[in-house]
């Protein structure tokens, strides 16, 4: 095949041969670099083509075309006609690799494609040949569903999310020598000179429950003005962020072990007096099961209505191990004589399948169907067909149950809800859910420990109905989970957002705080009030 570069040269008039080889002009990209980059992209495309939920003819070629689109999108340019023609002529692996390398050379040293940015642009471009939730993610995608970045202390900063953050991690890792500069373009920038994605000032976007920051009373919206004794300014931000993003440990001669280093933050909250928090970068488990209030020993009391013995548990991300936490809360409710439960999944963003099925199984009889899984390649996925209640479940198969859902209930939250509803084990109160039933797995992207998340299957309701909302789905189509007749909660978008904010602050209140919060008042929450009314009436009928 005649490549793009070769074709361009053939059309260029010959020039006199200089006495000495010229230095590369600005914009020059070495072909060996371009081929290394191209082969990495193609290798990932091979994995995606084999595992993606929908089998497509010539999918690898379509993925390379999508990678090219991703590169041009990143530079703000339209794909030239000669590039489109070269892609159309390319069919074999060698041809596709060469054409992608040619494209990368043509784009030169564009600032949006330096370092690892080309790999991110091309691989994230695969979304044009798959779906919008396929893409590159931080290595921490395998750790906790709820954590994007937290620097080991439990805070996320505005601007430090998604691709922007993952790219910084790669660039810093290369600068510090943790990773090789594979598929890299241009010089390696020193770690303390990398542009901080947090900008100035550093504003806390999220605090993770169960973390050192949560226990210290840090809240979303707080501004970090000083870190480790240095003021955060435009001049110091890059250097200080590099220190923040690279938690270090110190050797403890007394124990012979590496210990987390304590780091000093000064926070500003509105017009209040700034406060100092010394936070250790330490291993912790994000908290994602919440009750009515925290006890003095930092546990949750989950009895919402003590007179009628109605319990309440709210779930966040479905983390690994959440089923054990949930079982502990249910055990404590049982000791208190709990007669009915409100399970709040309004802000459950999904997570892992196994703990979700374990939680649903606690309320279902043996042999009940929890979900039906459909994979294009069940052997590679490792499972297929129906998921039934796990062994040892069913402890609460007769307990009256209300499940709260809303327009943010996603994935794993929808799986739990549909499992309980289709087995006639609950009533559903609230609003229609998101409608996401994609099953995803991760694959090594081939550089710097970065993972590529790929859709490998779809989860159906136990009754076989569709849960996935597609781009062309209509309101009358089957997708998501609707509340039961007469139990829909009419609510404005502003009120819904305010309830979410109140619930987040409620989950962050430290154990030693006696501060009253709006979310303490269940009667002011239309969802919980509707659930309480329903269960009180049901329990009165059982007397």
Protein backbone atom coordinates (compact mmCIF):
# COMPACT_ATOMS: atom_id res chain seq x y z
CA UNK A 1 0.00 0.00 0.00
CA UNK A 2 1.09 3.54 -0.65
CA UNK A 3 0.96 5.33 2.71
CA UNK A 4 -0.09 8.89 3.33
CA UNK A 5 3.48 10.04 3.93
CA UNK A 6 4.82 8.24 0.84
CA UNK A 7 2.02 9.63 -1.29
CA UNK A 8 2.75 13.14 -0.06
CA UNK A 9 6.44 12.76 -0.92
CA UNK A 10 5.64 11.46 -4.43
CA UNK A 11 3.62 14.58 -5.09
CA UNK A 12 6.39 16.90 -3.84
CA UNK A 13 8.98 18.21 -6.36
CA UNK A 14 12.49 16.81 -5.84
CA UNK A 15 14.95 19.08 -4.05
CA UNK A 16 18.76 19.20 -4.33
CA UNK A 17 20.52 16.86 -1.89
CA UNK A 18 22.19 19.02 0.80
CA UNK A 19 25.84 18.54 1.74
CA UNK A 20 24.90 17.75 5.35
CA UNK A 21 21.63 16.25 6.62
CA UNK A 22 19.28 18.97 7.84
CA UNK A 23 18.02 19.08 11.39
CA UNK A 24 14.36 18.09 11.83
CA UNK A 25 12.10 21.09 11.42
CA UNK A 26 9.56 22.10 14.03
CA UNK A 27 6.70 19.68 13.98
CA UNK A 28 8.82 16.66 13.12
CA UNK A 29 7.76 13.30 14.65
CA UNK A 30 10.12 10.35 14.44
CA UNK A 31 8.62 7.38 12.55
CA UNK A 32 9.86 4.86 15.10
CA UNK A 33 7.99 6.78 17.81
CA UNK A 34 4.90 6.90 15.61
CA UNK A 35 5.03 3.15 14.94
CA UNK A 36 5.44 2.36 18.63
CA UNK A 37 2.40 4.49 19.37
CA UNK A 38 0.42 2.96 16.50
CA UNK A 39 1.16 -0.62 17.57
CA UNK A 40 -0.01 0.09 21.13
CA UNK A 41 -3.29 1.49 19.84
CA UNK A 42 -3.79 -1.44 17.46
CA UNK A 43 -3.08 -4.02 20.19
CA UNK A 44 -5.78 -2.51 22.38
CA UNK A 45 -8.14 -2.36 19.40
CA UNK A 46 -7.67 -6.12 18.98
CA UNK A 47 -8.79 -6.71 22.59
CA UNK A 48 -11.76 -4.39 22.25
CA UNK A 49 -12.90 -5.98 18.99
CA UNK A 50 -12.90 -9.45 20.57
CA UNK A 51 -14.63 -8.47 23.82
CA UNK A 52 -17.07 -5.70 22.96
CA UNK A 53 -20.71 -6.61 23.60
CA UNK A 54 -21.73 -6.19 19.94
CA UNK A 55 -19.94 -8.29 17.35
CA UNK A 56 -19.08 -6.14 14.35
CA UNK A 57 -17.63 -6.96 10.96
CA UNK A 58 -14.20 -5.32 10.46
CA UNK A 59 -14.42 -3.88 13.97
CA UNK A 60 -10.64 -3.43 14.29
CA UNK A 61 -10.59 -1.22 11.21
CA UNK A 62 -13.55 0.76 12.58
CA UNK A 63 -11.67 1.21 15.87
CA UNK A 64 -8.56 2.52 14.10
CA UNK A 65 -10.76 4.93 12.13
CA UNK A 66 -12.24 6.03 15.48
CA UNK A 67 -8.72 6.47 16.88
CA UNK A 68 -7.86 8.77 13.97
CA UNK A 69 -11.03 10.72 14.64
CA UNK A 70 -9.99 11.02 18.28
CA UNK A 71 -6.61 12.47 17.27
CA UNK A 72 -8.11 15.04 14.95
CA UNK A 73 -10.81 15.95 17.48
CA UNK A 74 -8.09 16.63 20.04
CA UNK A 75 -6.36 19.06 17.66
CA UNK A 76 -9.60 20.73 16.62
CA UNK A 77 -9.16 19.77 12.96
CA UNK A 78 -11.33 17.96 10.46
CA UNK A 79 -9.99 14.72 9.01
CA UNK A 80 -8.46 15.51 5.58
CA UNK A 81 -9.74 13.74 2.51
CA UNK A 82 -6.38 12.08 1.81
CA UNK A 83 -6.41 10.56 5.31
CA UNK A 84 -9.96 9.28 4.78
CA UNK A 85 -8.85 7.74 1.48
CA UNK A 86 -5.82 6.08 3.08
CA UNK A 87 -8.02 4.60 5.82
CA UNK A 88 -10.46 3.29 3.24
CA UNK A 89 -7.59 1.50 1.43
CA UNK A 90 -6.20 -0.01 4.67
CA UNK A 91 -7.42 -3.48 5.59
CA UNK A 92 -4.63 -5.66 6.96
CA UNK A 93 -3.03 -5.17 10.37
CA UNK A 94 0.19 -3.89 8.80
CA UNK A 95 -1.69 -1.38 6.64
CA UNK A 96 -3.77 -0.07 9.55
CA UNK A 97 -0.71 0.29 11.79
CA UNK A 98 1.21 2.11 9.05
CA UNK A 99 -1.69 4.43 8.25
CA UNK A 100 -2.19 5.35 11.91
CA UNK A 101 1.55 6.03 12.22
CA UNK A 102 1.39 8.23 9.10
CA UNK A 103 -1.49 10.19 10.63
CA UNK A 104 0.49 10.75 13.81
CA UNK A 105 3.49 12.04 11.80
CA UNK A 106 1.25 14.40 9.81
CA UNK A 107 -0.16 15.89 13.02
CA UNK A 108 3.39 16.67 14.18
CA UNK A 109 4.21 18.13 17.58
CA UNK A 110 0.78 19.65 18.23
CA UNK A 111 0.69 20.64 21.94
CA UNK A 112 -2.49 18.63 22.52
CA UNK A 113 -0.68 15.44 21.43
CA UNK A 114 2.57 15.67 23.39
CA UNK A 115 3.62 13.15 26.01
CA UNK A 116 0.95 10.47 26.45
CA UNK A 117 -1.81 12.73 25.10
CA UNK A 118 -1.75 10.98 21.70
CA UNK A 119 -2.47 7.62 23.33
CA UNK A 120 -5.34 9.09 25.32
CA UNK A 121 -6.82 10.86 22.28
CA UNK A 122 -6.62 7.75 20.08
CA UNK A 123 -7.76 5.17 22.63
CA UNK A 124 -10.56 7.31 24.01
CA UNK A 125 -11.54 7.82 20.38
CA UNK A 126 -12.66 4.17 20.44
CA UNK A 127 -15.92 5.47 21.92
CA UNK A 128 -16.92 6.40 18.37
CA UNK A 129 -16.85 2.68 17.49
CA UNK A 130 -18.21 1.33 20.82
CA UNK A 131 -20.15 3.50 23.30
CA UNK A 132 -19.64 6.60 25.40
CA UNK A 133 -18.72 4.78 28.65
CA UNK A 134 -15.80 2.86 27.12
CA UNK A 135 -12.44 4.54 27.68
CA UNK A 136 -9.21 4.90 29.65
CA UNK A 137 -9.28 5.02 33.41
CA UNK A 138 -6.85 5.32 36.27
CA UNK A 139 -5.37 2.09 37.66
CA UNK A 140 -7.54 2.75 40.72
CA UNK A 141 -10.58 1.65 38.70
CA UNK A 142 -9.88 -1.82 40.11
CA UNK A 143 -9.70 -0.61 43.70
CA UNK A 144 -12.91 1.21 44.63
CA UNK A 145 -15.92 2.15 42.55
CA UNK A 146 -16.32 5.41 44.47
CA UNK A 147 -12.79 6.77 44.19
CA UNK A 148 -11.44 8.67 41.23
CA UNK A 149 -8.66 10.44 43.08
CA UNK A 150 -8.21 11.22 46.74
CA UNK A 151 -4.46 11.55 47.36
CA UNK A 152 -4.76 8.99 50.15
CA UNK A 153 -6.67 11.38 52.43
CA UNK A 154 -10.18 11.28 50.96
CA UNK A 155 -10.57 14.51 49.02
CA UNK A 156 -11.27 15.17 45.36
CA UNK A 157 -10.48 18.58 43.91
CA UNK A 158 -12.37 20.49 41.27
CA UNK A 159 -10.81 20.01 37.84
CA UNK A 160 -8.93 16.89 38.89
CA UNK A 161 -11.19 14.25 37.40
CA UNK A 162 -11.47 11.77 34.55
CA UNK A 163 -8.99 11.87 31.68
CA UNK A 164 -7.33 15.02 32.95
CA UNK A 165 -6.37 13.34 36.21
CA UNK A 166 -5.40 9.97 34.71
CA UNK A 167 -3.15 11.71 32.19
CA UNK A 168 -1.44 13.63 34.99
CA UNK A 169 -0.80 10.37 36.86
CA UNK A 170 0.85 8.90 33.77
CA UNK A 171 2.97 11.99 33.12
CA UNK A 172 4.07 12.18 36.73
CA UNK A 173 4.86 8.45 36.80
CA UNK A 174 7.06 8.79 33.71
CA UNK A 175 8.76 11.88 35.14
CA UNK A 176 9.54 10.01 38.37
CA UNK A 177 10.81 6.94 36.50
CA UNK A 178 7.98 4.62 37.55
CA UNK A 179 6.93 4.01 33.94
CA UNK A 180 8.76 4.01 30.65
CA UNK A 181 7.88 6.65 28.07
CA UNK A 182 6.27 4.10 25.78
CA UNK A 183 4.22 5.60 22.95
CA UNK A 184 5.46 9.01 24.12
CA UNK A 185 6.05 12.13 22.02
CA UNK A 186 8.33 14.98 22.98
CA UNK A 187 10.45 15.58 26.09
CA UNK A 188 9.59 14.34 29.57
CA UNK A 189 8.69 17.30 31.80
CA UNK A 190 9.95 17.29 35.38
CA UNK A 191 7.30 16.20 37.89
CA UNK A 192 7.21 19.50 39.79
CA UNK A 193 6.82 21.44 36.53
CA UNK A 194 3.78 19.55 35.24
CA UNK A 195 0.77 21.89 35.01
CA UNK A 196 -1.53 21.29 37.97
CA UNK A 197 -5.00 20.17 36.86
CA UNK A 198 -6.39 21.72 40.05
CA UNK A 199 -5.54 25.28 39.08
CA UNK A 200 -5.63 27.94 41.79
CA UNK A 201 -7.24 27.90 44.29
CA UNK A 202 -7.59 24.23 45.24
CA UNK A 203 -11.28 23.76 45.88
CA UNK A 204 -12.64 20.55 47.43
CA UNK A 205 -15.21 19.00 45.13
CA UNK A 206 -15.95 15.88 47.16
CA UNK A 207 -15.04 14.30 50.47
CA UNK A 208 -15.13 10.51 50.66
CA UNK A 209 -17.01 9.10 53.68
CA UNK A 210 -14.84 6.95 55.92
CA UNK A 211 -11.66 8.81 54.96
CA UNK A 212 -9.24 10.85 57.11
CA UNK A 213 -10.66 14.05 55.58
CA UNK A 214 -14.23 13.09 56.51
CA UNK A 215 -13.22 12.28 60.09
CA UNK A 216 -11.49 15.67 60.30
CA UNK A 217 -14.66 17.50 59.25
CA UNK A 218 -13.59 18.65 55.77
CA UNK A 219 -16.57 19.49 53.53
CA UNK A 220 -17.19 20.04 49.80
CA UNK A 221 -16.58 23.66 48.88
CA UNK A 222 -13.71 24.11 51.34
CA UNK A 223 -10.68 25.82 49.79
CA UNK A 224 -7.14 24.63 50.55
CA UNK A 225 -4.98 27.71 51.03
CA UNK A 226 -1.81 26.07 52.33
CA UNK A 227 -0.16 22.67 52.01
CA UNK A 228 2.72 21.43 54.17
CA UNK A 229 3.49 24.95 55.33
CA UNK A 230 3.54 26.55 51.86
CA UNK A 231 0.90 28.94 50.56
CA UNK A 232 -0.78 27.79 47.36
CA UNK A 233 -0.28 30.45 44.70
CA UNK A 234 0.03 30.54 40.93
CA UNK A 235 3.81 30.29 41.38
CA UNK A 236 3.78 27.33 43.82
CA UNK A 237 0.73 25.38 42.60
CA UNK A 238 2.51 23.00 40.21
CA UNK A 239 5.22 22.05 42.68
CA UNK A 240 2.81 21.60 45.59
CA UNK A 241 0.29 19.64 43.55
CA UNK A 242 3.08 17.26 42.50
CA UNK A 243 3.76 16.65 46.20
CA UNK A 244 0.06 16.18 46.93
CA UNK A 245 -0.37 13.72 44.04
CA UNK A 246 2.64 11.66 45.12
CA UNK A 247 1.94 10.52 48.70
CA UNK A 248 5.14 9.46 50.42
CA UNK A 249 5.80 7.21 53.39
CA UNK A 250 8.44 7.37 56.08
CA UNK A 251 10.36 4.54 57.73
CA UNK A 252 9.47 3.91 61.37
CA UNK A 253 12.56 2.44 63.07
CA UNK A 254 10.46 1.36 66.05
CA UNK A 255 8.29 -0.98 63.99
CA UNK A 256 10.52 -1.52 60.98
CA UNK A 257 7.63 -0.60 58.69
CA UNK A 258 6.84 2.17 56.26
CA UNK A 259 4.32 4.56 57.77
CA UNK A 260 2.04 7.08 56.05
CA UNK A 261 3.29 10.62 56.17
CA UNK A 262 1.15 13.21 57.90
CA UNK A 263 0.47 16.24 55.73
CA UNK A 264 -0.73 19.62 56.90
CA UNK A 265 -3.59 21.42 55.19
CA UNK A 266 -5.12 24.81 55.95
CA UNK A 267 -8.72 25.09 54.79
CA UNK A 268 -10.93 28.15 54.32
CA UNK A 269 -14.72 27.79 54.52
CA UNK A 270 -16.63 30.87 53.41
CA UNK A 271 -16.32 33.67 55.91
CA UNK A 272 -15.43 31.32 58.77
CA UNK A 273 -12.02 31.30 60.38
CA UNK A 274 -9.53 29.05 58.49
CA UNK A 275 -8.82 25.71 60.16
CA UNK A 276 -5.88 23.33 60.06
CA UNK A 277 -6.15 19.58 59.51
CA UNK A 278 -3.25 17.14 59.71
CA UNK A 279 -4.21 14.25 57.44
CA UNK A 280 -2.32 11.00 56.94
CA UNK A 281 -2.09 9.40 53.53
CA UNK A 282 -3.25 5.97 54.64
CA UNK A 283 -5.13 2.95 53.43
CA UNK A 284 -8.83 3.17 54.25
CA UNK A 285 -12.08 1.69 52.97
CA UNK A 286 -14.55 4.21 51.51
CA UNK A 287 -17.84 4.13 53.37
CA UNK A 288 -20.94 3.53 51.23
CA UNK A 289 -23.66 2.35 53.63
CA UNK A 290 -25.33 5.00 55.77
CA UNK A 291 -28.01 5.04 58.43
CA UNK A 292 -29.92 7.63 60.46
CA UNK A 293 -27.10 9.02 62.62
CA UNK A 294 -23.54 8.21 63.63
CA UNK A 295 -23.04 6.91 67.13
CA UNK A 296 -20.20 8.04 69.39
CA UNK A 297 -18.12 5.01 68.33
CA UNK A 298 -18.47 6.01 64.63
CA UNK A 299 -21.06 3.39 63.73
CA UNK A 300 -24.47 3.95 62.17
CA UNK A 301 -27.77 3.70 64.02
CA UNK A 302 -30.30 2.76 61.34
CA UNK A 303 -33.64 2.92 63.18
CA UNK A 304 -35.64 5.71 61.54
CA UNK A 305 -39.04 5.22 63.22
CA UNK A 306 -38.51 3.83 66.72
CA UNK A 307 -42.19 3.62 67.54
CA UNK A 308 -43.02 1.45 64.52
CA UNK A 309 -39.55 -0.14 64.33
CA UNK A 310 -38.87 0.94 60.74
CA UNK A 311 -35.21 0.85 59.70
CA UNK A 312 -33.44 2.92 57.07
CA UNK A 313 -30.24 2.20 55.11
CA UNK A 314 -28.91 4.32 52.25
CA UNK A 315 -26.37 2.90 49.81
CA UNK A 316 -23.79 4.76 47.77
CA UNK A 317 -21.44 2.98 45.35
CA UNK A 318 -21.66 -0.81 45.42
CA UNK A 319 -18.13 -1.44 46.67
CA UNK A 320 -16.41 -4.78 47.20
CA UNK A 321 -17.25 -5.74 50.78
CA UNK A 322 -20.38 -3.58 50.96
CA UNK A 323 -22.51 -6.71 51.44
CA UNK A 324 -20.66 -7.46 54.70
CA UNK A 325 -21.17 -3.90 55.94
CA UNK A 326 -24.84 -4.10 54.97
CA UNK A 327 -25.23 -7.44 56.79
CA UNK A 328 -23.77 -5.88 59.95
CA UNK A 329 -26.27 -3.00 59.81
CA UNK A 330 -29.17 -5.41 59.27
CA UNK A 331 -27.99 -7.56 62.17
CA UNK A 332 -27.99 -4.55 64.48
CA UNK A 333 -31.47 -3.55 63.27
CA UNK A 334 -32.71 -7.07 64.01
CA UNK A 335 -31.40 -6.79 67.58
CA UNK A 336 -33.45 -3.59 67.93
CA UNK A 337 -36.61 -5.40 66.79
CA UNK A 338 -36.81 -3.93 63.28
CA UNK A 339 -40.13 -4.81 61.58
CA UNK A 340 -39.68 -3.13 58.16
CA UNK A 341 -36.95 -1.46 56.12
CA UNK A 342 -36.52 1.50 53.77
CA UNK A 343 -33.64 0.82 51.38
CA UNK A 344 -32.55 4.11 49.81
CA UNK A 345 -30.86 3.74 46.41
CA UNK A 346 -31.56 7.23 45.07
CA UNK A 347 -27.90 8.15 44.67
CA UNK A 348 -26.44 4.72 44.09
CA UNK A 349 -24.16 5.11 41.02
CA UNK A 350 -23.64 1.38 40.49
CA UNK A 351 -20.53 -0.63 41.17
CA UNK A 352 -19.66 -4.31 41.42
CA UNK A 353 -22.10 -7.10 40.62
CA UNK A 354 -21.14 -9.60 43.35
CA UNK A 355 -21.86 -7.44 46.43
CA UNK A 356 -25.04 -6.19 44.74
CA UNK A 357 -26.34 -9.73 44.27
CA UNK A 358 -25.40 -10.60 47.86
CA UNK A 359 -27.41 -7.64 49.18
CA UNK A 360 -30.45 -8.46 47.05
CA UNK A 361 -30.18 -12.12 48.06
CA UNK A 362 -30.67 -11.28 51.75
CA UNK A 363 -34.30 -10.42 50.97
CA UNK A 364 -35.06 -13.23 48.50
CA UNK A 365 -35.90 -16.88 48.86
CA UNK A 366 -33.44 -19.51 47.68
CA UNK A 367 -33.47 -20.05 43.93
CA UNK A 368 -34.78 -16.59 43.09
CA UNK A 369 -33.45 -15.00 39.90
CA UNK A 370 -31.55 -11.77 40.57
CA UNK A 371 -30.65 -10.87 36.98
CA UNK A 372 -30.16 -12.32 33.52
CA UNK A 373 -26.79 -11.64 31.92
CA UNK A 374 -26.23 -11.53 28.19
CA UNK A 375 -22.68 -11.55 26.85
CA UNK A 376 -21.41 -11.66 23.33
CA UNK A 377 -18.55 -13.85 24.56
CA UNK A 378 -19.60 -15.62 27.76
CA UNK A 379 -16.42 -17.71 27.93
CA UNK A 380 -14.21 -14.63 28.04
CA UNK A 381 -16.59 -12.84 30.43
CA UNK A 382 -16.39 -15.73 32.90
CA UNK A 383 -20.14 -15.97 33.51
CA UNK A 384 -23.41 -16.05 31.65
CA UNK A 385 -27.09 -16.76 31.95
CA UNK A 386 -29.11 -16.26 35.08
CA UNK A 387 -27.73 -15.07 38.41
CA UNK A 388 -29.54 -16.67 41.35
CA UNK A 389 -29.53 -15.91 45.05
CA UNK A 390 -26.14 -16.74 46.56
CA UNK A 391 -25.91 -19.48 49.25
CA UNK A 392 -26.67 -18.36 52.78
CA UNK A 393 -29.11 -15.59 51.87
CA UNK A 394 -32.79 -15.08 52.50
CA UNK A 395 -32.46 -13.94 56.12
CA UNK A 396 -34.99 -11.16 55.59
CA UNK A 397 -37.20 -12.72 52.91
CA UNK A 398 -40.39 -11.85 54.84
CA UNK A 399 -39.54 -8.33 56.02
CA UNK A 400 -41.73 -5.55 54.53
CA UNK A 401 -39.49 -3.50 52.27
CA UNK A 402 -39.66 -0.19 50.41
CA UNK A 403 -36.93 0.73 47.90
CA UNK A 404 -36.37 4.41 47.13
CA UNK A 405 -35.10 5.22 43.63
CA UNK A 406 -34.61 8.39 41.61
CA UNK A 407 -33.19 9.78 38.41
CA UNK A 408 -29.63 9.13 39.63
CA UNK A 409 -30.11 5.46 40.53
CA UNK A 410 -27.75 3.67 38.16
CA UNK A 411 -26.40 0.22 37.26
CA UNK A 412 -25.95 -1.80 40.45
CA UNK A 413 -28.70 0.14 42.21
CA UNK A 414 -31.05 -0.74 39.37
CA UNK A 415 -29.97 -4.39 39.52
CA UNK A 416 -30.86 -4.62 43.22
CA UNK A 417 -34.17 -2.82 42.69
CA UNK A 418 -35.28 -4.97 39.76
CA UNK A 419 -34.29 -8.17 41.59
CA UNK A 420 -36.47 -7.24 44.57
CA UNK A 421 -39.37 -5.82 42.55
CA UNK A 422 -39.66 -8.65 40.01
CA UNK A 423 -39.66 -11.20 42.84
CA UNK A 424 -42.50 -9.28 44.59
CA UNK A 425 -40.29 -8.50 47.56
CA UNK A 426 -40.69 -4.74 47.69
CA UNK A 427 -42.57 -1.72 46.51
CA UNK A 428 -40.66 0.96 44.64
CA UNK A 429 -41.10 4.63 45.60
CA UNK A 430 -39.67 7.65 43.80
CA UNK A 431 -38.86 8.41 40.18
CA UNK A 432 -37.75 6.45 37.15
CA UNK A 433 -34.12 5.32 37.21
CA UNK A 434 -31.29 6.11 34.76
CA UNK A 435 -31.53 2.93 32.68
CA UNK A 436 -27.97 1.65 32.58
CA UNK A 437 -27.52 -2.10 32.35
CA UNK A 438 -24.09 -2.31 30.73
CA UNK A 439 -21.68 -4.87 32.14
CA UNK A 440 -18.10 -3.68 31.94
CA UNK A 441 -14.68 -5.21 32.37
CA UNK A 442 -11.23 -3.69 32.25
CA UNK A 443 -8.25 -4.49 30.06
CA UNK A 444 -4.67 -3.33 30.41
CA UNK A 445 -4.13 -0.52 27.91
CA UNK A 446 -0.48 -1.48 27.53
CA UNK A 447 1.18 1.54 29.13
CA UNK A 448 1.73 3.01 32.60
CA UNK A 449 -0.78 0.69 34.30
CA UNK A 450 -3.71 2.50 32.67
CA UNK A 451 -6.89 0.47 32.23
CA UNK A 452 -9.40 0.48 29.39
CA UNK A 453 -12.99 -0.10 30.46
CA UNK A 454 -15.03 -1.97 27.88
CA UNK A 455 -18.69 -2.95 27.71
CA UNK A 456 -18.84 -6.75 27.48
CA UNK A 457 -22.50 -7.52 28.19
CA UNK A 458 -25.94 -6.40 29.26
CA UNK A 459 -27.96 -7.13 32.37
CA UNK A 460 -31.70 -7.83 32.05
CA UNK A 461 -34.35 -7.79 34.76
CA UNK A 462 -35.31 -11.16 36.30
CA UNK A 463 -38.53 -11.02 34.26
CA UNK A 464 -36.43 -10.70 31.10
CA UNK A 465 -37.34 -7.07 30.41
CA UNK A 466 -34.78 -4.56 29.22
CA UNK A 467 -33.12 -2.12 31.67
CA UNK A 468 -30.76 -0.39 29.25
CA UNK A 469 -31.74 3.03 27.97
CA UNK A 470 -30.45 3.43 24.43
CA UNK A 471 -29.80 6.70 22.58
CA UNK A 472 -33.07 6.29 20.66
CA UNK A 473 -35.17 5.01 23.59
CA UNK A 474 -38.52 6.72 24.07
CA UNK A 475 -40.27 7.41 27.42
CA UNK A 476 -42.81 4.70 26.62
CA UNK A 477 -40.11 2.05 25.98
CA UNK A 478 -38.93 -0.52 28.50
CA UNK A 479 -35.83 0.80 30.28
CA UNK A 480 -34.84 1.56 33.85
CA UNK A 481 -37.16 0.91 36.79
CA UNK A 482 -40.39 2.82 37.31
CA UNK A 483 -41.97 3.37 40.75
CA UNK A 484 -45.09 1.38 41.57
CA UNK A 485 -48.47 2.82 40.67
CA UNK A 486 -49.43 5.62 43.02
CA UNK A 487 -45.93 5.77 44.57
CA UNK A 488 -44.21 8.17 42.21
CA UNK A 489 -42.82 11.21 44.03
CA UNK A 490 -43.35 14.48 42.13
CA UNK A 491 -40.30 16.65 42.71
CA UNK A 492 -38.47 19.47 40.97
CA UNK A 493 -34.90 19.14 39.73
CA UNK A 494 -33.78 21.83 42.20
CA UNK A 495 -35.37 20.02 45.15
CA UNK A 496 -33.82 16.74 44.05
CA UNK A 497 -30.35 18.33 43.84
CA UNK A 498 -30.81 19.90 47.27
CA UNK A 499 -31.74 16.55 48.80
CA UNK A 500 -28.60 15.03 47.28
CA UNK A 501 -26.48 17.80 48.78
CA UNK A 502 -28.14 17.33 52.18
CA UNK A 503 -27.58 13.57 52.08
CA UNK A 504 -23.90 14.03 51.21
CA UNK A 505 -23.35 16.40 54.13
CA UNK A 506 -25.23 14.00 56.40
CA UNK A 507 -22.88 11.15 55.50
CA UNK A 508 -19.83 13.36 56.18
CA UNK A 509 -20.81 14.53 59.68
CA UNK A 510 -18.06 13.32 62.05
CA UNK A 511 -19.01 11.00 64.91
CA UNK A 512 -18.17 13.61 67.56
CA UNK A 513 -20.37 16.29 65.95
CA UNK A 514 -23.82 17.07 67.31
CA UNK A 515 -24.59 19.54 64.52
CA UNK A 516 -28.22 19.35 63.37
CA UNK A 517 -28.58 18.89 59.60
CA UNK A 518 -31.62 19.19 57.29
CA UNK A 519 -31.38 15.51 56.27
CA UNK A 520 -32.06 14.54 59.90
CA UNK A 521 -35.71 15.46 59.33
CA UNK A 522 -37.22 12.54 57.38
CA UNK A 523 -40.60 14.28 57.16
CA UNK A 524 -38.99 17.06 55.07
CA UNK A 525 -37.88 14.48 52.50
CA UNK A 526 -40.83 13.60 50.19
CA UNK A 527 -39.35 10.18 49.37
CA UNK A 528 -38.80 9.01 52.95
CA UNK A 529 -42.10 10.50 54.04
CA UNK A 530 -43.97 8.53 51.35
CA UNK A 531 -42.13 5.34 52.34
CA UNK A 532 -42.88 5.84 56.04
CA UNK A 533 -46.58 6.42 55.35
CA UNK A 534 -46.76 3.26 53.26
CA UNK A 535 -44.98 1.06 55.82
CA UNK A 536 -46.84 2.45 58.83
CA UNK A 537 -50.13 1.64 57.14
CA UNK A 538 -48.89 -1.85 56.21
CA UNK A 539 -47.62 -2.56 59.73
CA UNK A 540 -50.88 -1.29 61.27
CA UNK A 541 -52.74 -3.83 59.13
CA UNK A 542 -50.58 -6.64 60.50
CA UNK A 543 -51.40 -5.94 64.15
